Amino acid sequence: MNTPIKVLIVDDDALVRAGLSMILSGTGDIEIAGEAADGDQVAPMVAEHRPDVVLMDIRMPRVDGLAATEALRATANPPEVVVLTTFHADAQVLRALRAGAAGFLLKDIPPADLVSAIRKVAAGEPILSPLVTRQLIAHVADGGAGGRRDRARGLLAKLSEREREVAVAIGQGNSNAEISAELYMSVATVKAHVSRILTKLNLNNRVQIALVVHDAG
């Protein structure tokens, strides 16, 4: 049998935790590694249980999900983080994505979609498309755009011309197959370029590549 996907649920609402746990426990390939009621419990629970995925609420009383995500993603071999929110356009969600979260889910997500999202994230696929990222950015007023633009352009300058073309295509919301067709390269070559971009720019996932491309204008 395949190893089950271990999930840590972090939310200050006991009913939300219970509901998520019940949904995910009903699958054959997902295991609840633990539950935390606040962001300050995340680090010790991750160290103890080594989850593959953390479902992270944004608003919690002592340490919010943003701070917990930033701290977690800065550690060695961190689990993937999926942000839970009640809002589509939330400045804190955008900041969590910049910190390395693999995506976000609304708390009223249908159970089947929740399970599918967990499986995708565990397999290394971000669950937030660049298109949705751009829509989120468009609805959230976020200061410091000038500084981010300069930083983003500096990052893209580190890439080869071909890598920049791939990065821009990711920012446009294209899949690997679409990039392959657009730039006349194999899907395997596209994947190799994406891996090099992530390494060169010290990024976690495609969502962050899209954010850099957007910031660079």
N, C-alpha and C. Protein backbone atom coordinates (compact mmCIF):
# COMPACT_ATOMS: atom_id res chain seq x y z
N MET A 1 0.84 -1.20 0.00
CA MET A 1 0.00 0.00 0.00
C MET A 1 0.87 1.25 0.00
N ASN A 2 0.34 2.32 -0.64
CA ASN A 2 1.05 3.58 -0.63
C ASN A 2 0.98 4.21 0.75
N THR A 3 1.99 5.00 1.09
CA THR A 3 1.99 5.70 2.36
C THR A 3 0.89 6.76 2.36
N PRO A 4 0.07 6.84 3.40
CA PRO A 4 -1.01 7.84 3.41
C PRO A 4 -0.45 9.25 3.50
N ILE A 5 -1.23 10.21 3.01
CA ILE A 5 -0.87 11.62 3.08
C ILE A 5 -1.21 12.11 4.48
N LYS A 6 -0.22 12.62 5.20
CA LYS A 6 -0.43 13.08 6.58
C LYS A 6 -0.76 14.58 6.58
N VAL A 7 -1.88 14.92 7.20
CA VAL A 7 -2.37 16.30 7.18
C VAL A 7 -2.49 16.84 8.60
N LEU A 8 -1.95 18.03 8.84
CA LEU A 8 -2.12 18.75 10.10
C LEU A 8 -3.16 19.85 9.87
N ILE A 9 -4.20 19.88 10.70
CA ILE A 9 -5.26 20.88 10.58
C ILE A 9 -5.04 21.96 11.64
N VAL A 10 -4.97 23.21 11.19
CA VAL A 10 -4.72 24.34 12.10
C VAL A 10 -5.85 25.35 11.97
N ASP A 11 -6.69 25.44 13.00
CA ASP A 11 -7.82 26.37 12.99
C ASP A 11 -8.28 26.58 14.43
N ASP A 12 -8.62 27.82 14.78
CA ASP A 12 -9.03 28.07 16.15
C ASP A 12 -10.49 27.70 16.41
N ASP A 13 -11.22 27.34 15.37
CA ASP A 13 -12.62 26.94 15.50
C ASP A 13 -12.70 25.42 15.59
N ALA A 14 -13.12 24.91 16.73
CA ALA A 14 -13.16 23.46 16.95
C ALA A 14 -14.12 22.78 15.98
N LEU A 15 -15.21 23.45 15.61
CA LEU A 15 -16.17 22.85 14.68
C LEU A 15 -15.56 22.72 13.28
N VAL A 16 -14.80 23.73 12.87
CA VAL A 16 -14.12 23.66 11.57
C VAL A 16 -13.11 22.52 11.56
N ARG A 17 -12.33 22.40 12.64
CA ARG A 17 -11.36 21.31 12.72
C ARG A 17 -12.05 19.96 12.65
N ALA A 18 -13.15 19.82 13.38
CA ALA A 18 -13.87 18.55 13.40
C ALA A 18 -14.43 18.22 12.03
N GLY A 19 -14.97 19.23 11.34
CA GLY A 19 -15.53 18.99 10.01
C GLY A 19 -14.47 18.58 9.00
N LEU A 20 -13.34 19.29 9.01
CA LEU A 20 -12.25 18.95 8.10
C LEU A 20 -11.71 17.55 8.40
N SER A 21 -11.55 17.26 9.67
CA SER A 21 -11.03 15.95 10.07
C SER A 21 -11.96 14.84 9.63
N MET A 22 -13.27 15.05 9.79
CA MET A 22 -14.24 14.03 9.39
C MET A 22 -14.20 13.78 7.89
N ILE A 23 -14.12 14.87 7.11
CA ILE A 23 -14.08 14.73 5.65
C ILE A 23 -12.83 13.98 5.20
N LEU A 24 -11.69 14.40 5.72
CA LEU A 24 -10.42 13.82 5.26
C LEU A 24 -10.21 12.40 5.78
N SER A 25 -10.73 12.12 6.98
CA SER A 25 -10.57 10.77 7.55
C SER A 25 -11.40 9.74 6.79
N GLY A 26 -12.37 10.21 6.02
CA GLY A 26 -13.21 9.28 5.28
C GLY A 26 -12.58 8.75 4.02
N THR A 27 -11.38 9.21 3.69
CA THR A 27 -10.68 8.72 2.51
C THR A 27 -9.75 7.58 2.92
N GLY A 28 -9.29 6.83 1.95
CA GLY A 28 -8.40 5.72 2.26
C GLY A 28 -6.93 6.09 2.22
N ASP A 29 -6.62 7.30 1.74
CA ASP A 29 -5.21 7.65 1.53
C ASP A 29 -4.78 8.91 2.28
N ILE A 30 -5.64 9.43 3.16
CA ILE A 30 -5.29 10.62 3.93
C ILE A 30 -5.42 10.31 5.42
N GLU A 31 -4.41 10.72 6.17
CA GLU A 31 -4.37 10.46 7.61
C GLU A 31 -4.24 11.80 8.34
N ILE A 32 -5.03 12.01 9.37
CA ILE A 32 -4.93 13.23 10.16
C ILE A 32 -3.76 13.09 11.13
N ALA A 33 -2.73 13.91 10.91
CA ALA A 33 -1.53 13.83 11.76
C ALA A 33 -1.75 14.52 13.09
N GLY A 34 -2.69 15.47 13.12
CA GLY A 34 -2.96 16.19 14.36
C GLY A 34 -3.79 17.41 14.08
N GLU A 35 -4.21 18.07 15.16
CA GLU A 35 -4.99 19.30 15.07
C GLU A 35 -4.38 20.34 16.00
N ALA A 36 -4.31 21.58 15.53
CA ALA A 36 -3.79 22.69 16.33
C ALA A 36 -4.82 23.80 16.36
N ALA A 37 -4.94 24.48 17.50
CA ALA A 37 -5.93 25.53 17.67
C ALA A 37 -5.36 26.92 17.47
N ASP A 38 -4.04 27.03 17.28
CA ASP A 38 -3.42 28.34 17.09
C ASP A 38 -2.08 28.16 16.39
N GLY A 39 -1.62 29.26 15.78
CA GLY A 39 -0.39 29.21 15.01
C GLY A 39 0.84 28.90 15.83
N ASP A 40 0.80 29.20 17.13
CA ASP A 40 1.99 28.94 17.95
C ASP A 40 2.18 27.45 18.24
N GLN A 41 1.19 26.63 17.89
CA GLN A 41 1.30 25.18 18.09
C GLN A 41 1.84 24.46 16.85
N VAL A 42 1.98 25.20 15.75
CA VAL A 42 2.32 24.56 14.48
C VAL A 42 3.72 23.96 14.49
N ALA A 43 4.72 24.74 14.85
CA ALA A 43 6.11 24.27 14.78
C ALA A 43 6.34 23.00 15.59
N PRO A 44 5.93 22.94 16.86
CA PRO A 44 6.16 21.70 17.61
C PRO A 44 5.37 20.51 17.06
N MET A 45 4.16 20.75 16.56
CA MET A 45 3.38 19.64 16.01
C MET A 45 3.96 19.12 14.71
N VAL A 46 4.48 20.04 13.89
CA VAL A 46 5.13 19.61 12.64
C VAL A 46 6.38 18.81 12.96
N ALA A 47 7.16 19.26 13.94
CA ALA A 47 8.37 18.54 14.33
C ALA A 47 8.03 17.14 14.86
N GLU A 48 6.92 17.03 15.57
CA GLU A 48 6.54 15.75 16.15
C GLU A 48 5.92 14.79 15.15
N HIS A 49 5.02 15.31 14.30
CA HIS A 49 4.21 14.42 13.45
C HIS A 49 4.66 14.38 11.99
N ARG A 50 5.49 15.33 11.55
CA ARG A 50 5.99 15.39 10.18
C ARG A 50 4.89 15.24 9.13
N PRO A 51 3.91 16.14 9.13
CA PRO A 51 2.84 16.06 8.13
C PRO A 51 3.36 16.40 6.73
N ASP A 52 2.64 15.93 5.72
CA ASP A 52 2.96 16.28 4.34
C ASP A 52 2.32 17.61 3.95
N VAL A 53 1.14 17.86 4.52
CA VAL A 53 0.37 19.06 4.19
C VAL A 53 -0.17 19.67 5.48
N VAL A 54 -0.13 21.01 5.55
CA VAL A 54 -0.73 21.73 6.68
C VAL A 54 -1.88 22.58 6.13
N LEU A 55 -3.08 22.36 6.66
CA LEU A 55 -4.22 23.22 6.36
C LEU A 55 -4.21 24.34 7.39
N MET A 56 -3.97 25.57 6.94
CA MET A 56 -3.67 26.67 7.85
C MET A 56 -4.73 27.77 7.79
N ASP A 57 -5.43 27.97 8.91
CA ASP A 57 -6.35 29.10 9.01
C ASP A 57 -5.54 30.40 9.04
N ILE A 58 -6.12 31.47 8.52
CA ILE A 58 -5.43 32.76 8.51
C ILE A 58 -5.56 33.48 9.84
N ARG A 59 -6.78 33.60 10.32
CA ARG A 59 -7.03 34.42 11.51
C ARG A 59 -7.13 33.55 12.76
N MET A 60 -6.13 33.70 13.62
CA MET A 60 -6.10 32.98 14.90
C MET A 60 -5.64 33.95 15.98
N PRO A 61 -6.00 33.71 17.24
CA PRO A 61 -5.82 34.73 18.28
C PRO A 61 -4.39 35.08 18.67
N ARG A 62 -3.50 34.10 18.78
CA ARG A 62 -2.16 34.41 19.27
C ARG A 62 -1.16 34.58 18.12
N VAL A 63 -1.03 33.57 17.29
CA VAL A 63 -0.14 33.64 16.12
C VAL A 63 -0.97 33.33 14.89
N ASP A 64 -1.09 34.30 13.98
CA ASP A 64 -1.95 34.07 12.82
C ASP A 64 -1.29 33.14 11.80
N GLY A 65 -2.09 32.72 10.84
CA GLY A 65 -1.61 31.76 9.85
C GLY A 65 -0.50 32.30 8.97
N LEU A 66 -0.47 33.60 8.75
CA LEU A 66 0.59 34.20 7.94
C LEU A 66 1.94 34.03 8.62
N ALA A 67 2.02 34.41 9.88
CA ALA A 67 3.28 34.29 10.62
C ALA A 67 3.70 32.83 10.73
N ALA A 68 2.73 31.97 10.97
CA ALA A 68 3.04 30.54 11.10
C ALA A 68 3.53 29.96 9.78
N THR A 69 2.93 30.42 8.67
CA THR A 69 3.36 29.94 7.35
C THR A 69 4.77 30.41 7.04
N GLU A 70 5.04 31.68 7.29
CA GLU A 70 6.38 32.22 7.02
C GLU A 70 7.44 31.48 7.82
N ALA A 71 7.15 31.23 9.08
CA ALA A 71 8.12 30.52 9.93
C ALA A 71 8.31 29.08 9.46
N LEU A 72 7.23 28.44 9.09
CA LEU A 72 7.29 27.05 8.67
C LEU A 72 8.04 26.88 7.36
N ARG A 73 7.74 27.73 6.39
CA ARG A 73 8.37 27.61 5.08
C ARG A 73 9.86 27.98 5.11
N ALA A 74 10.29 28.63 6.17
CA ALA A 74 11.70 28.99 6.30
C ALA A 74 12.54 27.86 6.89
N THR A 75 11.88 26.78 7.32
CA THR A 75 12.61 25.65 7.89
C THR A 75 13.05 24.68 6.81
N ALA A 76 13.93 23.76 7.17
CA ALA A 76 14.40 22.75 6.20
C ALA A 76 13.30 21.71 5.95
N ASN A 77 13.10 21.36 4.68
CA ASN A 77 12.13 20.35 4.27
C ASN A 77 10.76 20.56 4.90
N PRO A 78 10.18 21.73 4.70
CA PRO A 78 8.87 22.00 5.31
C PRO A 78 7.74 21.28 4.59
N PRO A 79 6.63 21.04 5.27
CA PRO A 79 5.46 20.50 4.59
C PRO A 79 4.84 21.57 3.69
N GLU A 80 4.00 21.15 2.77
CA GLU A 80 3.26 22.11 1.96
C GLU A 80 2.20 22.77 2.85
N VAL A 81 1.93 24.04 2.59
CA VAL A 81 0.93 24.78 3.36
C VAL A 81 -0.20 25.21 2.44
N VAL A 82 -1.42 24.93 2.85
CA VAL A 82 -2.61 25.39 2.15
C VAL A 82 -3.37 26.30 3.09
N VAL A 83 -3.61 27.53 2.68
CA VAL A 83 -4.27 28.52 3.52
C VAL A 83 -5.79 28.34 3.43
N LEU A 84 -6.45 28.39 4.59
CA LEU A 84 -7.90 28.33 4.67
C LEU A 84 -8.44 29.74 4.92
N THR A 85 -9.42 30.16 4.15
CA THR A 85 -9.95 31.51 4.31
C THR A 85 -11.43 31.54 3.96
N THR A 86 -12.10 32.60 4.41
CA THR A 86 -13.50 32.80 4.06
C THR A 86 -13.65 33.85 2.97
N PHE A 87 -12.51 34.43 2.53
CA PHE A 87 -12.56 35.50 1.55
C PHE A 87 -11.75 35.14 0.30
N HIS A 88 -12.30 35.45 -0.88
CA HIS A 88 -11.55 35.24 -2.12
C HIS A 88 -10.36 36.20 -2.20
N ALA A 89 -10.62 37.47 -1.95
CA ALA A 89 -9.58 38.50 -2.07
C ALA A 89 -9.19 38.96 -0.67
N ASP A 90 -8.07 38.50 -0.21
CA ASP A 90 -7.63 38.76 1.15
C ASP A 90 -6.14 39.10 1.11
N ALA A 91 -5.78 40.27 1.62
CA ALA A 91 -4.38 40.69 1.58
C ALA A 91 -3.48 39.68 2.29
N GLN A 92 -3.98 39.07 3.36
CA GLN A 92 -3.17 38.10 4.09
C GLN A 92 -2.97 36.82 3.28
N VAL A 93 -3.96 36.44 2.49
CA VAL A 93 -3.80 35.28 1.62
C VAL A 93 -2.68 35.53 0.62
N LEU A 94 -2.68 36.72 0.03
CA LEU A 94 -1.64 37.05 -0.93
C LEU A 94 -0.26 37.02 -0.28
N ARG A 95 -0.16 37.53 0.95
CA ARG A 95 1.13 37.51 1.65
C ARG A 95 1.54 36.07 1.97
N ALA A 96 0.57 35.22 2.29
CA ALA A 96 0.89 33.81 2.55
C ALA A 96 1.41 33.13 1.30
N LEU A 97 0.85 33.48 0.13
CA LEU A 97 1.33 32.91 -1.13
C LEU A 97 2.76 33.38 -1.40
N ARG A 98 3.03 34.64 -1.11
CA ARG A 98 4.40 35.15 -1.30
C ARG A 98 5.37 34.43 -0.35
N ALA A 99 4.85 34.00 0.80
CA ALA A 99 5.70 33.30 1.78
C ALA A 99 5.92 31.84 1.41
N GLY A 100 5.20 31.35 0.39
CA GLY A 100 5.44 29.98 -0.06
C GLY A 100 4.29 29.02 0.09
N ALA A 101 3.10 29.50 0.48
CA ALA A 101 1.95 28.60 0.53
C ALA A 101 1.64 28.09 -0.88
N ALA A 102 1.19 26.84 -0.95
CA ALA A 102 0.93 26.22 -2.25
C ALA A 102 -0.40 26.65 -2.84
N GLY A 103 -1.20 27.37 -2.06
CA GLY A 103 -2.49 27.81 -2.56
C GLY A 103 -3.42 28.11 -1.41
N PHE A 104 -4.66 28.42 -1.75
CA PHE A 104 -5.63 28.65 -0.69
C PHE A 104 -6.96 28.00 -1.04
N LEU A 105 -7.72 27.66 0.00
CA LEU A 105 -9.03 27.07 -0.15
C LEU A 105 -10.03 27.87 0.66
N LEU A 106 -11.22 28.04 0.11
CA LEU A 106 -12.29 28.65 0.87
C LEU A 106 -12.87 27.62 1.82
N LYS A 107 -13.31 28.07 2.98
CA LYS A 107 -13.78 27.13 4.00
C LYS A 107 -15.08 26.43 3.61
N ASP A 108 -15.79 26.97 2.62
CA ASP A 108 -17.02 26.31 2.18
C ASP A 108 -16.79 25.42 0.95
N ILE A 109 -15.54 25.03 0.73
CA ILE A 109 -15.21 24.17 -0.41
C ILE A 109 -15.96 22.84 -0.31
N PRO A 110 -16.48 22.30 -1.42
CA PRO A 110 -17.12 20.99 -1.38
C PRO A 110 -16.13 19.92 -0.93
N PRO A 111 -16.59 18.93 -0.15
CA PRO A 111 -15.68 17.90 0.38
C PRO A 111 -14.83 17.22 -0.69
N ALA A 112 -15.42 16.88 -1.83
CA ALA A 112 -14.66 16.19 -2.88
C ALA A 112 -13.52 17.06 -3.39
N ASP A 113 -13.78 18.37 -3.51
CA ASP A 113 -12.75 19.29 -3.98
C ASP A 113 -11.64 19.44 -2.95
N LEU A 114 -12.01 19.42 -1.67
CA LEU A 114 -11.01 19.50 -0.61
C LEU A 114 -10.06 18.31 -0.67
N VAL A 115 -10.62 17.12 -0.81
CA VAL A 115 -9.81 15.90 -0.88
C VAL A 115 -8.90 15.94 -2.11
N SER A 116 -9.46 16.35 -3.23
CA SER A 116 -8.66 16.44 -4.47
C SER A 116 -7.52 17.43 -4.31
N ALA A 117 -7.79 18.57 -3.66
CA ALA A 117 -6.76 19.59 -3.46
C ALA A 117 -5.62 19.06 -2.59
N ILE A 118 -5.96 18.33 -1.54
CA ILE A 118 -4.94 17.77 -0.65
C ILE A 118 -4.05 16.79 -1.44
N ARG A 119 -4.66 15.98 -2.24
CA ARG A 119 -3.89 15.01 -3.04
C ARG A 119 -2.96 15.72 -4.02
N LYS A 120 -3.45 16.78 -4.66
CA LYS A 120 -2.63 17.52 -5.62
C LYS A 120 -1.43 18.17 -4.94
N VAL A 121 -1.68 18.81 -3.81
CA VAL A 121 -0.59 19.49 -3.11
C VAL A 121 0.45 18.49 -2.63
N ALA A 122 -0.01 17.35 -2.12
CA ALA A 122 0.92 16.31 -1.66
C ALA A 122 1.77 15.78 -2.81
N ALA A 123 1.22 15.86 -4.03
CA ALA A 123 1.95 15.39 -5.22
C ALA A 123 2.84 16.47 -5.81
N GLY A 124 2.88 17.63 -5.16
CA GLY A 124 3.74 18.71 -5.63
C GLY A 124 3.11 19.68 -6.59
N GLU A 125 1.79 19.63 -6.73
CA GLU A 125 1.10 20.53 -7.64
C GLU A 125 0.46 21.68 -6.86
N PRO A 126 0.74 22.93 -7.23
CA PRO A 126 0.04 24.04 -6.57
C PRO A 126 -1.44 23.99 -6.94
N ILE A 127 -2.31 24.37 -6.02
CA ILE A 127 -3.74 24.30 -6.28
C ILE A 127 -4.33 25.67 -6.57
N LEU A 128 -3.46 26.64 -6.81
CA LEU A 128 -3.90 27.98 -7.18
C LEU A 128 -3.27 28.31 -8.51
N SER A 129 -4.07 28.43 -9.53
CA SER A 129 -3.52 28.72 -10.85
C SER A 129 -3.02 30.15 -10.91
N PRO A 130 -2.05 30.43 -11.78
CA PRO A 130 -1.59 31.81 -11.94
C PRO A 130 -2.73 32.76 -12.31
N LEU A 131 -3.73 32.26 -13.04
CA LEU A 131 -4.87 33.10 -13.41
C LEU A 131 -5.60 33.57 -12.15
N VAL A 132 -5.85 32.64 -11.22
CA VAL A 132 -6.52 33.00 -9.97
C VAL A 132 -5.62 33.92 -9.15
N THR A 133 -4.32 33.69 -9.20
CA THR A 133 -3.39 34.56 -8.48
C THR A 133 -3.52 35.99 -8.99
N ARG A 134 -3.58 36.17 -10.30
CA ARG A 134 -3.70 37.52 -10.85
C ARG A 134 -5.03 38.16 -10.46
N GLN A 135 -6.09 37.35 -10.44
CA GLN A 135 -7.39 37.88 -10.03
C GLN A 135 -7.35 38.33 -8.58
N LEU A 136 -6.66 37.54 -7.74
CA LEU A 136 -6.52 37.90 -6.33
C LEU A 136 -5.74 39.20 -6.19
N ILE A 137 -4.62 39.30 -6.91
CA ILE A 137 -3.79 40.49 -6.85
C ILE A 137 -4.58 41.73 -7.28
N ALA A 138 -5.41 41.56 -8.31
CA ALA A 138 -6.17 42.69 -8.85
C ALA A 138 -7.18 43.24 -7.86
N HIS A 139 -7.61 42.42 -6.91
CA HIS A 139 -8.64 42.84 -5.95
C HIS A 139 -8.06 43.28 -4.61
N VAL A 140 -6.78 43.14 -4.43
CA VAL A 140 -6.18 43.45 -3.13
C VAL A 140 -5.22 44.62 -3.28
N ALA A 141 -5.47 45.68 -2.56
CA ALA A 141 -4.55 46.82 -2.56
C ALA A 141 -3.36 46.46 -1.68
N ASP A 142 -2.17 46.50 -2.23
CA ASP A 142 -0.98 46.06 -1.49
C ASP A 142 0.11 47.10 -1.71
N GLY A 143 0.59 47.72 -0.65
CA GLY A 143 1.60 48.76 -0.77
C GLY A 143 2.96 48.21 -1.13
N GLY A 144 3.88 49.13 -1.42
CA GLY A 144 5.26 48.75 -1.70
C GLY A 144 5.49 48.20 -3.09
N ALA A 145 4.61 48.58 -4.04
CA ALA A 145 4.70 48.00 -5.38
C ALA A 145 6.01 48.36 -6.06
N GLY A 146 6.50 49.60 -5.85
CA GLY A 146 7.73 50.01 -6.51
C GLY A 146 8.92 49.18 -6.10
N GLY A 147 9.05 48.94 -4.80
CA GLY A 147 10.15 48.12 -4.31
C GLY A 147 10.06 46.69 -4.81
N ARG A 148 8.85 46.15 -4.85
CA ARG A 148 8.67 44.79 -5.35
C ARG A 148 9.01 44.70 -6.83
N ARG A 149 8.66 45.76 -7.59
CA ARG A 149 8.95 45.75 -9.02
C ARG A 149 10.45 45.67 -9.26
N ASP A 150 11.20 46.50 -8.55
CA ASP A 150 12.65 46.49 -8.72
C ASP A 150 13.24 45.13 -8.34
N ARG A 151 12.77 44.58 -7.22
CA ARG A 151 13.27 43.29 -6.77
C ARG A 151 12.92 42.19 -7.78
N ALA A 152 11.69 42.22 -8.29
CA ALA A 152 11.24 41.19 -9.22
C ALA A 152 12.04 41.26 -10.53
N ARG A 153 12.27 42.47 -11.01
CA ARG A 153 13.03 42.60 -12.26
C ARG A 153 14.48 42.15 -12.06
N GLY A 154 15.00 42.38 -10.86
CA GLY A 154 16.34 41.89 -10.56
C GLY A 154 16.39 40.37 -10.56
N LEU A 155 15.33 39.75 -10.04
CA LEU A 155 15.27 38.29 -10.03
C LEU A 155 15.19 37.74 -11.46
N LEU A 156 14.31 38.31 -12.28
CA LEU A 156 14.15 37.81 -13.64
C LEU A 156 15.42 38.01 -14.46
N ALA A 157 16.22 39.01 -14.10
CA ALA A 157 17.48 39.25 -14.81
C ALA A 157 18.47 38.11 -14.62
N LYS A 158 18.26 37.29 -13.58
CA LYS A 158 19.14 36.15 -13.33
C LYS A 158 18.87 34.99 -14.29
N LEU A 159 17.74 35.03 -14.98
CA LEU A 159 17.34 33.92 -15.83
C LEU A 159 17.86 34.09 -17.25
N SER A 160 18.01 32.97 -17.93
CA SER A 160 18.34 33.00 -19.35
C SER A 160 17.10 33.49 -20.11
N GLU A 161 17.28 33.84 -21.37
CA GLU A 161 16.15 34.32 -22.17
C GLU A 161 15.04 33.27 -22.24
N ARG A 162 15.43 32.03 -22.42
CA ARG A 162 14.44 30.95 -22.52
C ARG A 162 13.71 30.76 -21.19
N GLU A 163 14.45 30.84 -20.12
CA GLU A 163 13.83 30.69 -18.79
C GLU A 163 12.85 31.83 -18.53
N ARG A 164 13.21 33.05 -18.98
CA ARG A 164 12.28 34.17 -18.81
C ARG A 164 11.01 33.95 -19.61
N GLU A 165 11.14 33.38 -20.80
CA GLU A 165 9.96 33.09 -21.61
C GLU A 165 9.04 32.10 -20.89
N VAL A 166 9.64 31.10 -20.28
CA VAL A 166 8.85 30.12 -19.53
C VAL A 166 8.20 30.78 -18.32
N ALA A 167 8.95 31.63 -17.62
CA ALA A 167 8.41 32.32 -16.45
C ALA A 167 7.22 33.19 -16.83
N VAL A 168 7.34 33.93 -17.91
CA VAL A 168 6.24 34.79 -18.36
C VAL A 168 5.02 33.94 -18.72
N ALA A 169 5.24 32.81 -19.36
CA ALA A 169 4.13 31.91 -19.72
C ALA A 169 3.43 31.39 -18.47
N ILE A 170 4.20 31.09 -17.43
CA ILE A 170 3.61 30.66 -16.16
C ILE A 170 2.76 31.80 -15.58
N GLY A 171 3.29 33.02 -15.66
CA GLY A 171 2.56 34.19 -15.18
C GLY A 171 1.26 34.42 -15.93
N GLN A 172 1.20 33.94 -17.18
CA GLN A 172 -0.01 34.08 -17.98
C GLN A 172 -1.02 32.96 -17.70
N GLY A 173 -0.65 32.06 -16.81
CA GLY A 173 -1.57 30.99 -16.43
C GLY A 173 -1.48 29.74 -17.27
N ASN A 174 -0.41 29.60 -18.05
CA ASN A 174 -0.30 28.44 -18.94
C ASN A 174 0.21 27.20 -18.21
N SER A 175 -0.32 26.06 -18.60
CA SER A 175 0.15 24.78 -18.07
C SER A 175 1.44 24.39 -18.77
N ASN A 176 2.09 23.33 -18.28
CA ASN A 176 3.32 22.86 -18.95
C ASN A 176 3.04 22.46 -20.39
N ALA A 177 1.90 21.81 -20.63
CA ALA A 177 1.56 21.39 -21.99
C ALA A 177 1.35 22.61 -22.90
N GLU A 178 0.71 23.64 -22.38
CA GLU A 178 0.49 24.85 -23.17
C GLU A 178 1.80 25.59 -23.45
N ILE A 179 2.68 25.62 -22.45
CA ILE A 179 3.99 26.25 -22.65
C ILE A 179 4.78 25.47 -23.69
N SER A 180 4.68 24.14 -23.62
CA SER A 180 5.36 23.28 -24.58
C SER A 180 4.96 23.62 -26.01
N ALA A 181 3.65 23.78 -26.22
CA ALA A 181 3.15 24.07 -27.57
C ALA A 181 3.52 25.49 -28.00
N GLU A 182 3.44 26.44 -27.07
CA GLU A 182 3.70 27.84 -27.39
C GLU A 182 5.17 28.10 -27.71
N LEU A 183 6.07 27.43 -26.95
CA LEU A 183 7.50 27.71 -27.09
C LEU A 183 8.24 26.62 -27.87
N TYR A 184 7.48 25.65 -28.41
CA TYR A 184 8.07 24.60 -29.25
C TYR A 184 9.18 23.84 -28.54
N MET A 185 8.84 23.32 -27.36
CA MET A 185 9.77 22.46 -26.62
C MET A 185 8.96 21.33 -25.98
N SER A 186 9.64 20.26 -25.62
CA SER A 186 8.94 19.15 -25.01
C SER A 186 8.47 19.51 -23.60
N VAL A 187 7.48 18.77 -23.11
CA VAL A 187 7.00 18.99 -21.75
C VAL A 187 8.12 18.74 -20.74
N ALA A 188 8.95 17.73 -21.03
CA ALA A 188 10.08 17.43 -20.14
C ALA A 188 11.04 18.61 -20.06
N THR A 189 11.26 19.27 -21.20
CA THR A 189 12.14 20.45 -21.21
C THR A 189 11.52 21.60 -20.43
N VAL A 190 10.20 21.77 -20.58
CA VAL A 190 9.51 22.81 -19.82
C VAL A 190 9.68 22.56 -18.32
N LYS A 191 9.49 21.32 -17.90
CA LYS A 191 9.63 20.97 -16.48
C LYS A 191 11.05 21.26 -15.99
N ALA A 192 12.03 20.97 -16.84
CA ALA A 192 13.42 21.23 -16.46
C ALA A 192 13.65 22.73 -16.29
N HIS A 193 13.10 23.54 -17.20
CA HIS A 193 13.22 25.00 -17.09
C HIS A 193 12.57 25.49 -15.80
N VAL A 194 11.37 24.97 -15.50
CA VAL A 194 10.66 25.39 -14.28
C VAL A 194 11.50 25.07 -13.05
N SER A 195 12.09 23.89 -13.02
CA SER A 195 12.94 23.51 -11.88
C SER A 195 14.13 24.45 -11.75
N ARG A 196 14.75 24.81 -12.87
CA ARG A 196 15.90 25.72 -12.82
C ARG A 196 15.47 27.12 -12.36
N ILE A 197 14.29 27.57 -12.81
CA ILE A 197 13.79 28.88 -12.39
C ILE A 197 13.59 28.90 -10.88
N LEU A 198 12.96 27.86 -10.35
CA LEU A 198 12.71 27.78 -8.91
C LEU A 198 14.03 27.81 -8.14
N THR A 199 15.02 27.09 -8.64
CA THR A 199 16.32 27.03 -7.96
C THR A 199 17.04 28.37 -8.04
N LYS A 200 17.11 28.96 -9.24
CA LYS A 200 17.82 30.23 -9.42
C LYS A 200 17.21 31.36 -8.59
N LEU A 201 15.86 31.37 -8.51
CA LEU A 201 15.19 32.47 -7.82
C LEU A 201 14.87 32.14 -6.37
N ASN A 202 15.24 30.93 -5.96
CA ASN A 202 14.99 30.50 -4.58
C ASN A 202 13.51 30.60 -4.22
N LEU A 203 12.68 30.05 -5.11
CA LEU A 203 11.23 30.07 -4.92
C LEU A 203 10.73 28.67 -4.60
N ASN A 204 9.49 28.60 -4.07
CA ASN A 204 8.92 27.33 -3.66
C ASN A 204 8.09 26.65 -4.73
N ASN A 205 7.38 27.44 -5.54
CA ASN A 205 6.42 26.83 -6.46
C ASN A 205 6.06 27.78 -7.60
N ARG A 206 5.20 27.30 -8.51
CA ARG A 206 4.81 28.08 -9.69
C ARG A 206 4.03 29.34 -9.31
N VAL A 207 3.28 29.27 -8.23
CA VAL A 207 2.53 30.45 -7.80
C VAL A 207 3.48 31.61 -7.54
N GLN A 208 4.61 31.32 -6.88
CA GLN A 208 5.57 32.38 -6.61
C GLN A 208 6.23 32.90 -7.89
N ILE A 209 6.44 32.02 -8.87
CA ILE A 209 6.96 32.48 -10.16
C ILE A 209 5.98 33.48 -10.78
N ALA A 210 4.69 33.13 -10.75
CA ALA A 210 3.67 34.02 -11.31
C ALA A 210 3.64 35.36 -10.59
N LEU A 211 3.82 35.34 -9.27
CA LEU A 211 3.84 36.58 -8.49
C LEU A 211 5.03 37.46 -8.88
N VAL A 212 6.20 36.83 -9.08
CA VAL A 212 7.39 37.60 -9.50
C VAL A 212 7.15 38.24 -10.87
N VAL A 213 6.59 37.48 -11.80
CA VAL A 213 6.31 38.00 -13.14
C VAL A 213 5.34 39.17 -13.06
N HIS A 214 4.30 39.03 -12.24
CA HIS A 214 3.34 40.13 -12.07
C HIS A 214 4.02 41.36 -11.48
N ASP A 215 4.82 41.16 -10.43
CA ASP A 215 5.49 42.29 -9.78
C ASP A 215 6.43 43.03 -10.74
N ALA A 216 7.04 42.25 -11.64
CA ALA A 216 7.98 42.86 -12.60
C ALA A 216 7.27 43.64 -13.69
N GLY A 217 5.96 43.48 -13.78
CA GLY A 217 5.19 44.21 -14.79
C GLY A 217 5.28 43.61 -16.16
